[in-house]
Amino acid sequence: MSIPDRRAAAALLLTLEPKPWALRHARAVAEVAGWLAARIDARGTPVDRRLVEAAALLHDVDKLLPPGDPLRALGHGDGSAAWLTAHGHPELARAVAGHPVTRMADETRYRTWSAFASREERIVAYADKRAGQRLGPMAERFASWNRRYPVKWDEATAERVRHRAARLEADVCRAAGVRPEDVRRLAWTGPALRAARAGEGVAPRRANG
């Protein structure tokens, strides 16, 4: 049992034949997460960069399953965790299970997550809140969710979720030594996907800036 490297994570994602929009989102989240992990690690806080990158690339695999797949009944995030565990990667389960924004509206799960989430889990959760089809401000991401799910929460719950997301942003950006507007992407997914298709290895890259 081991954490998949970049090529292996990309190959695993490709087995589910993601639609272009899903692949763009997975790549955006993975590249934001990879950049943050590299920055934090370089500043002296140890981070398992391989885990961060793999979990970020694979965080939405449950959305790629057929409509009748029983794992979908577990709910978003938990379905991804179960799928990855079944495919030999239980070490990624916590990071993908904890990423959905809905976790921040669930009082019990949020209290547990905020108390025990690892640095790696926090990076993956934050990267998903910064990247839809591209990297953007967190407010832009929330606006997108609101357009797609306009009656998800009452205003009090929505405000509580935004406050908790802002705390997460402050925590991760402080560890990385950057302002939210200075977050960037580490362009590793393109080479990883090409290598996965070709059956080759992928050399690691360093973050710039």
N, C-alpha and C. Protein backbone atom coordinates (compact mmCIF):
# COMPACT_ATOMS: atom_id res chain seq x y z
N MET A 1 0.85 -1.19 0.00
CA MET A 1 0.00 0.00 0.00
C MET A 1 0.89 1.24 0.00
N SER A 2 0.73 2.12 -0.97
CA SER A 2 1.54 3.32 -1.03
C SER A 2 0.74 4.46 -1.67
N ILE A 3 1.18 5.67 -1.40
CA ILE A 3 0.54 6.83 -2.00
C ILE A 3 0.94 6.89 -3.47
N PRO A 4 -0.01 7.01 -4.37
CA PRO A 4 0.36 7.04 -5.79
C PRO A 4 1.17 8.27 -6.14
N ASP A 5 2.16 8.09 -7.01
CA ASP A 5 2.91 9.24 -7.50
C ASP A 5 2.07 9.97 -8.54
N ARG A 6 2.66 11.00 -9.14
CA ARG A 6 1.90 11.82 -10.07
C ARG A 6 1.35 11.02 -11.25
N ARG A 7 2.20 10.21 -11.85
CA ARG A 7 1.76 9.43 -13.01
C ARG A 7 0.67 8.45 -12.62
N ALA A 8 0.86 7.77 -11.47
CA ALA A 8 -0.12 6.78 -11.03
C ALA A 8 -1.46 7.43 -10.68
N ALA A 9 -1.41 8.59 -10.04
CA ALA A 9 -2.66 9.30 -9.71
C ALA A 9 -3.38 9.72 -10.98
N ALA A 10 -2.62 10.21 -11.96
CA ALA A 10 -3.23 10.61 -13.23
C ALA A 10 -3.82 9.40 -13.95
N ALA A 11 -3.10 8.29 -13.91
CA ALA A 11 -3.60 7.07 -14.56
C ALA A 11 -4.89 6.60 -13.91
N LEU A 12 -4.96 6.69 -12.59
CA LEU A 12 -6.16 6.27 -11.87
C LEU A 12 -7.35 7.15 -12.26
N LEU A 13 -7.12 8.44 -12.35
CA LEU A 13 -8.19 9.35 -12.76
C LEU A 13 -8.67 9.03 -14.18
N LEU A 14 -7.75 8.74 -15.06
CA LEU A 14 -8.12 8.48 -16.45
C LEU A 14 -8.94 7.21 -16.62
N THR A 15 -8.84 6.28 -15.68
CA THR A 15 -9.65 5.06 -15.79
C THR A 15 -11.14 5.37 -15.72
N LEU A 16 -11.50 6.53 -15.15
CA LEU A 16 -12.90 6.91 -15.02
C LEU A 16 -13.37 7.78 -16.19
N GLU A 17 -12.48 8.01 -17.14
CA GLU A 17 -12.82 8.77 -18.35
C GLU A 17 -13.56 10.07 -18.02
N PRO A 18 -12.89 10.96 -17.28
CA PRO A 18 -13.55 12.22 -16.87
C PRO A 18 -13.91 13.09 -18.08
N LYS A 19 -15.06 13.74 -17.98
CA LYS A 19 -15.44 14.72 -18.99
C LYS A 19 -14.45 15.89 -18.95
N PRO A 20 -14.35 16.65 -20.03
CA PRO A 20 -13.39 17.77 -20.04
C PRO A 20 -13.54 18.73 -18.87
N TRP A 21 -14.79 19.06 -18.49
CA TRP A 21 -14.98 20.00 -17.38
C TRP A 21 -14.49 19.41 -16.07
N ALA A 22 -14.70 18.10 -15.89
CA ALA A 22 -14.26 17.45 -14.65
C ALA A 22 -12.74 17.37 -14.60
N LEU A 23 -12.13 17.11 -15.74
CA LEU A 23 -10.68 17.05 -15.79
C LEU A 23 -10.07 18.42 -15.54
N ARG A 24 -10.67 19.47 -16.11
CA ARG A 24 -10.15 20.81 -15.85
C ARG A 24 -10.21 21.17 -14.37
N HIS A 25 -11.32 20.81 -13.73
CA HIS A 25 -11.46 21.10 -12.30
C HIS A 25 -10.43 20.31 -11.49
N ALA A 26 -10.31 19.02 -11.77
CA ALA A 26 -9.35 18.19 -11.04
C ALA A 26 -7.93 18.74 -11.18
N ARG A 27 -7.58 19.15 -12.39
CA ARG A 27 -6.25 19.70 -12.63
C ARG A 27 -6.06 21.02 -11.90
N ALA A 28 -7.05 21.88 -11.93
CA ALA A 28 -6.93 23.18 -11.25
C ALA A 28 -6.72 23.00 -9.75
N VAL A 29 -7.54 22.15 -9.14
CA VAL A 29 -7.42 21.92 -7.70
C VAL A 29 -6.07 21.30 -7.37
N ALA A 30 -5.65 20.32 -8.17
CA ALA A 30 -4.38 19.63 -7.91
C ALA A 30 -3.18 20.56 -8.06
N GLU A 31 -3.25 21.48 -9.00
CA GLU A 31 -2.12 22.39 -9.21
C GLU A 31 -2.07 23.48 -8.15
N VAL A 32 -3.22 23.96 -7.70
CA VAL A 32 -3.24 24.90 -6.59
C VAL A 32 -2.72 24.22 -5.32
N ALA A 33 -3.22 23.01 -5.05
CA ALA A 33 -2.79 22.27 -3.87
C ALA A 33 -1.29 21.97 -3.92
N GLY A 34 -0.80 21.60 -5.10
CA GLY A 34 0.62 21.30 -5.24
C GLY A 34 1.49 22.52 -4.98
N TRP A 35 1.05 23.67 -5.47
CA TRP A 35 1.81 24.90 -5.25
C TRP A 35 1.85 25.24 -3.76
N LEU A 36 0.70 25.17 -3.11
CA LEU A 36 0.65 25.47 -1.69
C LEU A 36 1.49 24.51 -0.87
N ALA A 37 1.41 23.23 -1.18
CA ALA A 37 2.19 22.24 -0.45
C ALA A 37 3.68 22.49 -0.60
N ALA A 38 4.11 22.83 -1.81
CA ALA A 38 5.53 23.11 -2.03
C ALA A 38 5.97 24.34 -1.26
N ARG A 39 5.14 25.39 -1.25
CA ARG A 39 5.47 26.61 -0.51
C ARG A 39 5.59 26.33 0.99
N ILE A 40 4.61 25.62 1.52
CA ILE A 40 4.60 25.35 2.97
C ILE A 40 5.79 24.49 3.35
N ASP A 41 6.07 23.47 2.55
CA ASP A 41 7.21 22.59 2.81
C ASP A 41 8.51 23.37 2.76
N ALA A 42 8.65 24.27 1.80
CA ALA A 42 9.88 25.06 1.66
C ALA A 42 10.09 26.00 2.84
N ARG A 43 9.00 26.37 3.51
CA ARG A 43 9.11 27.27 4.66
C ARG A 43 9.36 26.53 5.97
N GLY A 44 9.55 25.23 5.89
CA GLY A 44 9.96 24.47 7.07
C GLY A 44 8.88 23.67 7.77
N THR A 45 7.66 23.69 7.24
CA THR A 45 6.60 22.85 7.80
C THR A 45 6.49 21.61 6.93
N PRO A 46 6.84 20.44 7.45
CA PRO A 46 6.81 19.24 6.61
C PRO A 46 5.41 18.96 6.08
N VAL A 47 5.32 18.69 4.79
CA VAL A 47 4.07 18.37 4.13
C VAL A 47 4.30 17.18 3.21
N ASP A 48 3.39 16.23 3.23
CA ASP A 48 3.47 15.10 2.31
C ASP A 48 2.93 15.56 0.97
N ARG A 49 3.82 16.05 0.13
CA ARG A 49 3.40 16.62 -1.14
C ARG A 49 2.77 15.58 -2.05
N ARG A 50 3.26 14.36 -2.00
CA ARG A 50 2.68 13.32 -2.85
C ARG A 50 1.23 13.07 -2.47
N LEU A 51 0.95 13.01 -1.18
CA LEU A 51 -0.42 12.79 -0.73
C LEU A 51 -1.31 13.96 -1.15
N VAL A 52 -0.84 15.19 -0.95
CA VAL A 52 -1.63 16.37 -1.31
C VAL A 52 -1.98 16.35 -2.78
N GLU A 53 -0.99 16.13 -3.63
CA GLU A 53 -1.22 16.18 -5.08
C GLU A 53 -2.15 15.07 -5.53
N ALA A 54 -1.94 13.84 -5.03
CA ALA A 54 -2.79 12.73 -5.44
C ALA A 54 -4.22 12.92 -4.96
N ALA A 55 -4.38 13.31 -3.69
CA ALA A 55 -5.73 13.50 -3.16
C ALA A 55 -6.45 14.63 -3.87
N ALA A 56 -5.74 15.70 -4.18
CA ALA A 56 -6.37 16.83 -4.87
C ALA A 56 -6.80 16.44 -6.28
N LEU A 57 -5.97 15.69 -6.98
CA LEU A 57 -6.32 15.29 -8.34
C LEU A 57 -7.52 14.34 -8.34
N LEU A 58 -7.66 13.54 -7.29
CA LEU A 58 -8.67 12.48 -7.25
C LEU A 58 -9.84 12.81 -6.32
N HIS A 59 -9.95 14.04 -5.87
CA HIS A 59 -10.92 14.36 -4.83
C HIS A 59 -12.37 14.17 -5.27
N ASP A 60 -12.64 14.29 -6.56
CA ASP A 60 -14.03 14.23 -7.05
C ASP A 60 -14.34 12.94 -7.81
N VAL A 61 -13.62 11.87 -7.56
CA VAL A 61 -13.85 10.66 -8.36
C VAL A 61 -15.27 10.12 -8.20
N ASP A 62 -15.91 10.37 -7.07
CA ASP A 62 -17.27 9.85 -6.92
C ASP A 62 -18.24 10.50 -7.89
N LYS A 63 -17.94 11.71 -8.35
CA LYS A 63 -18.80 12.38 -9.33
C LYS A 63 -18.67 11.76 -10.72
N LEU A 64 -17.64 10.95 -10.91
CA LEU A 64 -17.39 10.33 -12.21
C LEU A 64 -17.97 8.93 -12.31
N LEU A 65 -18.54 8.43 -11.22
CA LEU A 65 -19.09 7.08 -11.21
C LEU A 65 -20.44 7.05 -11.91
N PRO A 66 -20.84 5.90 -12.44
CA PRO A 66 -22.16 5.81 -13.08
C PRO A 66 -23.27 6.14 -12.10
N PRO A 67 -24.39 6.67 -12.57
CA PRO A 67 -25.48 7.07 -11.69
C PRO A 67 -25.95 5.99 -10.73
N GLY A 68 -25.92 4.73 -11.13
CA GLY A 68 -26.40 3.66 -10.26
C GLY A 68 -25.36 3.08 -9.34
N ASP A 69 -24.14 3.60 -9.35
CA ASP A 69 -23.09 3.04 -8.50
C ASP A 69 -23.44 3.24 -7.03
N PRO A 70 -23.38 2.18 -6.22
CA PRO A 70 -23.78 2.30 -4.81
C PRO A 70 -22.93 3.27 -4.00
N LEU A 71 -21.72 3.55 -4.43
CA LEU A 71 -20.87 4.49 -3.69
C LEU A 71 -21.43 5.90 -3.72
N ARG A 72 -22.23 6.20 -4.73
CA ARG A 72 -22.84 7.54 -4.80
C ARG A 72 -23.78 7.79 -3.62
N ALA A 73 -24.36 6.71 -3.10
CA ALA A 73 -25.30 6.85 -1.98
C ALA A 73 -24.60 7.30 -0.70
N LEU A 74 -23.28 7.18 -0.65
CA LEU A 74 -22.54 7.59 0.54
C LEU A 74 -22.45 9.11 0.66
N GLY A 75 -22.70 9.81 -0.42
CA GLY A 75 -22.57 11.27 -0.41
C GLY A 75 -21.23 11.70 -0.94
N HIS A 76 -21.17 12.94 -1.43
CA HIS A 76 -19.94 13.43 -2.04
C HIS A 76 -18.81 13.50 -1.02
N GLY A 77 -17.65 13.13 -1.43
CA GLY A 77 -16.50 13.08 -0.54
C GLY A 77 -16.35 11.70 0.07
N ASP A 78 -17.37 11.24 0.76
CA ASP A 78 -17.32 9.89 1.33
C ASP A 78 -17.29 8.84 0.21
N GLY A 79 -18.00 9.12 -0.90
CA GLY A 79 -17.96 8.20 -2.03
C GLY A 79 -16.57 8.13 -2.64
N SER A 80 -15.92 9.28 -2.76
CA SER A 80 -14.55 9.30 -3.28
C SER A 80 -13.62 8.53 -2.35
N ALA A 81 -13.76 8.74 -1.06
CA ALA A 81 -12.92 8.05 -0.08
C ALA A 81 -13.10 6.54 -0.18
N ALA A 82 -14.34 6.10 -0.30
CA ALA A 82 -14.61 4.66 -0.40
C ALA A 82 -14.05 4.08 -1.70
N TRP A 83 -14.19 4.83 -2.79
CA TRP A 83 -13.67 4.35 -4.08
C TRP A 83 -12.16 4.21 -4.04
N LEU A 84 -11.47 5.18 -3.49
CA LEU A 84 -10.02 5.13 -3.41
C LEU A 84 -9.56 4.01 -2.47
N THR A 85 -10.28 3.82 -1.37
CA THR A 85 -9.94 2.72 -0.46
C THR A 85 -10.10 1.38 -1.17
N ALA A 86 -11.19 1.23 -1.91
CA ALA A 86 -11.42 -0.02 -2.63
C ALA A 86 -10.37 -0.27 -3.71
N HIS A 87 -9.75 0.81 -4.20
CA HIS A 87 -8.74 0.68 -5.24
C HIS A 87 -7.32 0.74 -4.68
N GLY A 88 -7.19 0.48 -3.38
CA GLY A 88 -5.88 0.31 -2.78
C GLY A 88 -5.21 1.54 -2.25
N HIS A 89 -5.97 2.64 -2.05
CA HIS A 89 -5.35 3.88 -1.58
C HIS A 89 -6.12 4.49 -0.40
N PRO A 90 -6.26 3.74 0.70
CA PRO A 90 -6.99 4.28 1.86
C PRO A 90 -6.29 5.48 2.48
N GLU A 91 -4.99 5.64 2.21
CA GLU A 91 -4.26 6.77 2.77
C GLU A 91 -4.74 8.12 2.22
N LEU A 92 -5.47 8.08 1.11
CA LEU A 92 -6.01 9.31 0.54
C LEU A 92 -7.43 9.62 1.04
N ALA A 93 -8.01 8.67 1.75
CA ALA A 93 -9.44 8.76 2.08
C ALA A 93 -9.79 9.99 2.89
N ARG A 94 -9.05 10.29 3.93
CA ARG A 94 -9.42 11.41 4.79
C ARG A 94 -9.34 12.74 4.05
N ALA A 95 -8.33 12.91 3.23
CA ALA A 95 -8.19 14.19 2.52
C ALA A 95 -9.32 14.41 1.52
N VAL A 96 -9.77 13.35 0.86
CA VAL A 96 -10.86 13.55 -0.11
C VAL A 96 -12.21 13.60 0.60
N ALA A 97 -12.37 12.88 1.68
CA ALA A 97 -13.65 12.89 2.40
C ALA A 97 -13.93 14.25 3.01
N GLY A 98 -12.89 14.95 3.42
CA GLY A 98 -13.09 16.20 4.14
C GLY A 98 -13.14 17.45 3.28
N HIS A 99 -13.03 17.31 1.96
CA HIS A 99 -12.91 18.52 1.13
C HIS A 99 -14.22 19.25 0.83
N PRO A 100 -15.40 18.58 0.76
CA PRO A 100 -16.60 19.31 0.30
C PRO A 100 -16.96 20.50 1.18
N VAL A 101 -17.43 21.56 0.54
CA VAL A 101 -17.84 22.75 1.28
C VAL A 101 -18.99 22.43 2.23
N THR A 102 -19.79 21.42 1.92
CA THR A 102 -20.91 21.04 2.79
C THR A 102 -20.45 20.60 4.17
N ARG A 103 -19.19 20.16 4.29
CA ARG A 103 -18.68 19.76 5.60
C ARG A 103 -18.70 20.95 6.56
N MET A 104 -18.56 22.14 6.04
CA MET A 104 -18.51 23.32 6.90
C MET A 104 -19.87 23.73 7.41
N ALA A 105 -20.92 23.13 6.88
CA ALA A 105 -22.28 23.40 7.36
C ALA A 105 -22.75 22.31 8.32
N ASP A 106 -22.02 21.22 8.39
CA ASP A 106 -22.37 20.09 9.26
C ASP A 106 -21.64 20.29 10.59
N GLU A 107 -22.37 20.67 11.63
CA GLU A 107 -21.73 21.05 12.89
C GLU A 107 -20.85 19.95 13.46
N THR A 108 -21.36 18.74 13.50
CA THR A 108 -20.60 17.64 14.11
C THR A 108 -19.36 17.33 13.30
N ARG A 109 -19.52 17.19 11.99
CA ARG A 109 -18.37 16.85 11.16
C ARG A 109 -17.37 17.99 11.11
N TYR A 110 -17.85 19.23 11.10
CA TYR A 110 -16.91 20.35 11.05
C TYR A 110 -16.09 20.42 12.34
N ARG A 111 -16.72 20.24 13.49
CA ARG A 111 -15.98 20.29 14.75
C ARG A 111 -14.88 19.24 14.77
N THR A 112 -15.19 18.04 14.32
CA THR A 112 -14.19 16.98 14.29
C THR A 112 -13.09 17.31 13.29
N TRP A 113 -13.49 17.74 12.09
CA TRP A 113 -12.51 18.05 11.06
C TRP A 113 -11.59 19.19 11.48
N SER A 114 -12.16 20.27 12.02
CA SER A 114 -11.34 21.43 12.38
C SER A 114 -10.37 21.10 13.51
N ALA A 115 -10.74 20.14 14.35
CA ALA A 115 -9.87 19.77 15.47
C ALA A 115 -8.76 18.82 15.06
N PHE A 116 -9.02 17.95 14.07
CA PHE A 116 -8.08 16.87 13.78
C PHE A 116 -7.53 16.86 12.36
N ALA A 117 -8.01 17.69 11.47
CA ALA A 117 -7.53 17.65 10.08
C ALA A 117 -6.04 17.95 10.01
N SER A 118 -5.35 17.17 9.23
CA SER A 118 -3.92 17.37 9.03
C SER A 118 -3.66 18.57 8.13
N ARG A 119 -2.42 18.99 8.05
CA ARG A 119 -2.06 20.08 7.14
C ARG A 119 -2.42 19.69 5.70
N GLU A 120 -2.18 18.42 5.35
CA GLU A 120 -2.47 17.96 3.99
C GLU A 120 -3.97 18.05 3.70
N GLU A 121 -4.80 17.64 4.64
CA GLU A 121 -6.25 17.71 4.45
C GLU A 121 -6.72 19.15 4.28
N ARG A 122 -6.13 20.06 5.03
CA ARG A 122 -6.52 21.46 4.94
C ARG A 122 -6.13 22.07 3.59
N ILE A 123 -4.99 21.69 3.08
CA ILE A 123 -4.55 22.20 1.78
C ILE A 123 -5.51 21.74 0.70
N VAL A 124 -5.88 20.46 0.69
CA VAL A 124 -6.79 19.95 -0.33
C VAL A 124 -8.15 20.64 -0.24
N ALA A 125 -8.66 20.78 0.98
CA ALA A 125 -9.97 21.44 1.16
C ALA A 125 -9.93 22.89 0.69
N TYR A 126 -8.85 23.59 1.00
CA TYR A 126 -8.75 24.99 0.59
C TYR A 126 -8.58 25.11 -0.92
N ALA A 127 -7.76 24.26 -1.52
CA ALA A 127 -7.55 24.33 -2.98
C ALA A 127 -8.86 24.17 -3.72
N ASP A 128 -9.74 23.29 -3.23
CA ASP A 128 -11.04 23.10 -3.88
C ASP A 128 -11.91 24.36 -3.76
N LYS A 129 -11.68 25.16 -2.74
CA LYS A 129 -12.46 26.38 -2.56
C LYS A 129 -11.87 27.56 -3.32
N ARG A 130 -10.75 27.34 -3.99
CA ARG A 130 -10.15 28.38 -4.82
C ARG A 130 -10.22 28.08 -6.31
N ALA A 131 -10.54 26.85 -6.66
CA ALA A 131 -10.45 26.46 -8.07
C ALA A 131 -11.71 25.75 -8.54
N GLY A 132 -12.38 26.36 -9.52
CA GLY A 132 -13.46 25.68 -10.23
C GLY A 132 -12.86 25.12 -11.50
N GLN A 133 -13.06 25.83 -12.60
CA GLN A 133 -12.37 25.48 -13.84
C GLN A 133 -11.01 26.17 -13.93
N ARG A 134 -10.79 27.12 -13.04
CA ARG A 134 -9.52 27.85 -12.99
C ARG A 134 -9.35 28.40 -11.58
N LEU A 135 -8.17 28.89 -11.28
CA LEU A 135 -7.90 29.52 -9.99
C LEU A 135 -8.59 30.88 -9.94
N GLY A 136 -9.28 31.15 -8.84
CA GLY A 136 -9.93 32.45 -8.67
C GLY A 136 -10.12 32.74 -7.20
N PRO A 137 -10.64 33.91 -6.87
CA PRO A 137 -10.90 34.24 -5.46
C PRO A 137 -11.93 33.29 -4.86
N MET A 138 -11.86 33.09 -3.56
CA MET A 138 -12.79 32.20 -2.91
C MET A 138 -14.22 32.71 -3.04
N ALA A 139 -14.40 34.03 -3.04
CA ALA A 139 -15.74 34.60 -3.20
C ALA A 139 -16.34 34.20 -4.54
N GLU A 140 -15.52 34.11 -5.56
CA GLU A 140 -16.00 33.70 -6.89
C GLU A 140 -16.49 32.26 -6.87
N ARG A 141 -15.77 31.43 -6.14
CA ARG A 141 -16.16 30.01 -6.02
C ARG A 141 -17.49 29.88 -5.29
N PHE A 142 -17.66 30.64 -4.22
CA PHE A 142 -18.92 30.60 -3.48
C PHE A 142 -20.07 31.12 -4.33
N ALA A 143 -19.82 32.14 -5.12
CA ALA A 143 -20.86 32.66 -6.00
C ALA A 143 -21.29 31.61 -7.01
N SER A 144 -20.33 30.83 -7.50
CA SER A 144 -20.65 29.75 -8.44
C SER A 144 -21.52 28.70 -7.77
N TRP A 145 -21.17 28.32 -6.54
CA TRP A 145 -22.00 27.34 -5.82
C TRP A 145 -23.41 27.90 -5.60
N ASN A 146 -23.50 29.16 -5.27
CA ASN A 146 -24.81 29.75 -5.02
C ASN A 146 -25.68 29.76 -6.27
N ARG A 147 -25.07 29.97 -7.42
CA ARG A 147 -25.83 29.95 -8.68
C ARG A 147 -26.35 28.55 -8.97
N ARG A 148 -25.54 27.56 -8.68
CA ARG A 148 -25.94 26.18 -9.00
C ARG A 148 -26.86 25.57 -7.94
N TYR A 149 -26.70 25.99 -6.70
CA TYR A 149 -27.50 25.43 -5.60
C TYR A 149 -28.10 26.58 -4.78
N PRO A 150 -29.03 27.33 -5.36
CA PRO A 150 -29.51 28.57 -4.71
C PRO A 150 -30.27 28.38 -3.41
N VAL A 151 -30.78 27.20 -3.13
CA VAL A 151 -31.54 27.01 -1.89
C VAL A 151 -30.86 26.03 -0.95
N LYS A 152 -29.55 25.87 -1.10
CA LYS A 152 -28.83 24.90 -0.27
C LYS A 152 -28.91 25.23 1.22
N TRP A 153 -28.64 26.50 1.60
CA TRP A 153 -28.58 26.89 3.00
C TRP A 153 -29.38 28.16 3.25
N ASP A 154 -29.81 28.35 4.50
CA ASP A 154 -30.36 29.65 4.86
C ASP A 154 -29.19 30.62 5.04
N GLU A 155 -29.49 31.91 5.17
CA GLU A 155 -28.43 32.91 5.18
C GLU A 155 -27.51 32.76 6.39
N ALA A 156 -28.06 32.38 7.52
CA ALA A 156 -27.22 32.21 8.71
C ALA A 156 -26.20 31.09 8.51
N THR A 157 -26.65 29.99 7.93
CA THR A 157 -25.74 28.88 7.67
C THR A 157 -24.70 29.27 6.64
N ALA A 158 -25.15 29.96 5.58
CA ALA A 158 -24.23 30.39 4.54
C ALA A 158 -23.15 31.30 5.11
N GLU A 159 -23.52 32.20 5.99
CA GLU A 159 -22.55 33.10 6.60
C GLU A 159 -21.57 32.34 7.48
N ARG A 160 -22.06 31.34 8.19
CA ARG A 160 -21.19 30.52 9.04
C ARG A 160 -20.19 29.76 8.17
N VAL A 161 -20.64 29.23 7.05
CA VAL A 161 -19.75 28.51 6.15
C VAL A 161 -18.68 29.45 5.58
N ARG A 162 -19.08 30.64 5.16
CA ARG A 162 -18.11 31.60 4.62
C ARG A 162 -17.07 31.98 5.67
N HIS A 163 -17.52 32.14 6.91
CA HIS A 163 -16.59 32.48 7.99
C HIS A 163 -15.59 31.35 8.21
N ARG A 164 -16.06 30.12 8.19
CA ARG A 164 -15.18 28.99 8.41
C ARG A 164 -14.20 28.82 7.24
N ALA A 165 -14.69 29.08 6.04
CA ALA A 165 -13.80 29.01 4.87
C ALA A 165 -12.74 30.10 4.95
N ALA A 166 -13.10 31.27 5.42
CA ALA A 166 -12.12 32.36 5.57
C ALA A 166 -11.06 32.00 6.59
N ARG A 167 -11.45 31.32 7.66
CA ARG A 167 -10.47 30.87 8.65
C ARG A 167 -9.52 29.85 8.04
N LEU A 168 -10.05 28.95 7.22
CA LEU A 168 -9.21 27.97 6.55
C LEU A 168 -8.24 28.68 5.61
N GLU A 169 -8.73 29.64 4.86
CA GLU A 169 -7.87 30.39 3.94
C GLU A 169 -6.74 31.07 4.70
N ALA A 170 -7.07 31.73 5.80
CA ALA A 170 -6.05 32.42 6.59
C ALA A 170 -5.00 31.45 7.10
N ASP A 171 -5.43 30.29 7.54
CA ASP A 171 -4.51 29.29 8.09
C ASP A 171 -3.56 28.78 7.01
N VAL A 172 -4.10 28.39 5.87
CA VAL A 172 -3.25 27.81 4.83
C VAL A 172 -2.33 28.87 4.23
N CYS A 173 -2.85 30.04 3.96
CA CYS A 173 -2.02 31.10 3.37
C CYS A 173 -0.94 31.57 4.33
N ARG A 174 -1.24 31.63 5.62
CA ARG A 174 -0.23 31.98 6.61
C ARG A 174 0.89 30.95 6.61
N ALA A 175 0.54 29.67 6.54
CA ALA A 175 1.56 28.63 6.51
C ALA A 175 2.42 28.73 5.25
N ALA A 176 1.79 29.14 4.15
CA ALA A 176 2.52 29.27 2.88
C ALA A 176 3.27 30.58 2.77
N GLY A 177 2.98 31.53 3.65
CA GLY A 177 3.64 32.82 3.62
C GLY A 177 3.20 33.70 2.45
N VAL A 178 1.93 33.58 2.07
CA VAL A 178 1.42 34.36 0.94
C VAL A 178 0.06 34.95 1.29
N ARG A 179 -0.32 35.99 0.55
CA ARG A 179 -1.67 36.51 0.61
C ARG A 179 -2.56 35.67 -0.31
N PRO A 180 -3.85 35.57 -0.04
CA PRO A 180 -4.72 34.77 -0.92
C PRO A 180 -4.60 35.15 -2.39
N GLU A 181 -4.45 36.45 -2.67
CA GLU A 181 -4.37 36.88 -4.06
C GLU A 181 -3.05 36.49 -4.73
N ASP A 182 -2.08 36.02 -3.94
CA ASP A 182 -0.79 35.62 -4.51
C ASP A 182 -0.67 34.12 -4.73
N VAL A 183 -1.71 33.37 -4.40
CA VAL A 183 -1.68 31.92 -4.62
C VAL A 183 -1.59 31.64 -6.12
N ARG A 184 -0.83 30.63 -6.47
CA ARG A 184 -0.62 30.28 -7.87
C ARG A 184 -0.82 28.78 -8.07
N ARG A 185 -0.63 28.33 -9.30
CA ARG A 185 -0.71 26.91 -9.66
C ARG A 185 0.67 26.37 -9.99
N LEU A 186 0.94 25.15 -9.58
CA LEU A 186 2.15 24.44 -9.96
C LEU A 186 1.79 23.51 -11.13
N ALA A 187 2.33 23.77 -12.29
CA ALA A 187 1.88 23.10 -13.51
C ALA A 187 2.48 21.70 -13.65
N TRP A 188 1.93 20.77 -12.86
CA TRP A 188 2.44 19.40 -12.90
C TRP A 188 1.48 18.41 -13.55
N THR A 189 0.21 18.75 -13.69
CA THR A 189 -0.76 17.74 -14.12
C THR A 189 -0.66 17.41 -15.61
N GLY A 190 -0.27 18.38 -16.42
CA GLY A 190 -0.13 18.10 -17.85
C GLY A 190 0.90 17.02 -18.12
N PRO A 191 2.14 17.18 -17.61
CA PRO A 191 3.14 16.12 -17.77
C PRO A 191 2.70 14.78 -17.17
N ALA A 192 2.00 14.83 -16.02
CA ALA A 192 1.56 13.59 -15.38
C ALA A 192 0.54 12.86 -16.25
N LEU A 193 -0.40 13.59 -16.82
CA LEU A 193 -1.42 12.97 -17.67
C LEU A 193 -0.81 12.43 -18.95
N ARG A 194 0.13 13.16 -19.53
CA ARG A 194 0.80 12.66 -20.74
C ARG A 194 1.60 11.40 -20.43
N ALA A 195 2.28 11.40 -19.28
CA ALA A 195 3.05 10.23 -18.89
C ALA A 195 2.15 9.04 -18.60
N ALA A 196 1.00 9.30 -17.98
CA ALA A 196 0.06 8.22 -17.69
C ALA A 196 -0.43 7.57 -18.97
N ARG A 197 -0.71 8.41 -19.96
CA ARG A 197 -1.18 7.88 -21.24
C ARG A 197 -0.08 7.11 -21.97
N ALA A 198 1.16 7.54 -21.74
CA ALA A 198 2.29 6.92 -22.42
C ALA A 198 2.95 5.82 -21.59
N GLY A 199 2.56 5.71 -20.32
CA GLY A 199 3.15 4.69 -19.46
C GLY A 199 4.54 5.03 -19.00
N GLU A 200 4.84 6.34 -18.83
CA GLU A 200 6.17 6.78 -18.44
C GLU A 200 6.14 7.38 -17.04
N GLY A 201 7.33 7.61 -16.49
CA GLY A 201 7.45 8.25 -15.18
C GLY A 201 7.36 9.76 -15.32
N VAL A 202 7.16 10.43 -14.17
CA VAL A 202 7.04 11.88 -14.15
C VAL A 202 8.03 12.44 -13.13
N ALA A 203 8.89 13.33 -13.56
CA ALA A 203 9.85 13.94 -12.66
C ALA A 203 9.17 15.02 -11.83
N PRO A 204 9.52 15.14 -10.54
CA PRO A 204 8.91 16.19 -9.72
C PRO A 204 9.37 17.57 -10.16
N ARG A 205 8.54 18.57 -9.87
CA ARG A 205 8.88 19.96 -10.17
C ARG A 205 8.84 20.77 -8.90
N ARG A 206 9.53 21.90 -8.91
CA ARG A 206 9.58 22.78 -7.75
C ARG A 206 8.67 23.97 -7.97
N ALA A 207 8.13 24.50 -6.88
CA ALA A 207 7.30 25.70 -6.99
C ALA A 207 8.17 26.92 -7.15
N ASN A 208 7.68 27.89 -7.91
CA ASN A 208 8.38 29.16 -8.06
C ASN A 208 7.64 30.25 -7.31
N GLY A 209 8.35 31.25 -6.80
CA GLY A 209 7.70 32.39 -6.15
C GLY A 209 7.39 32.14 -4.71
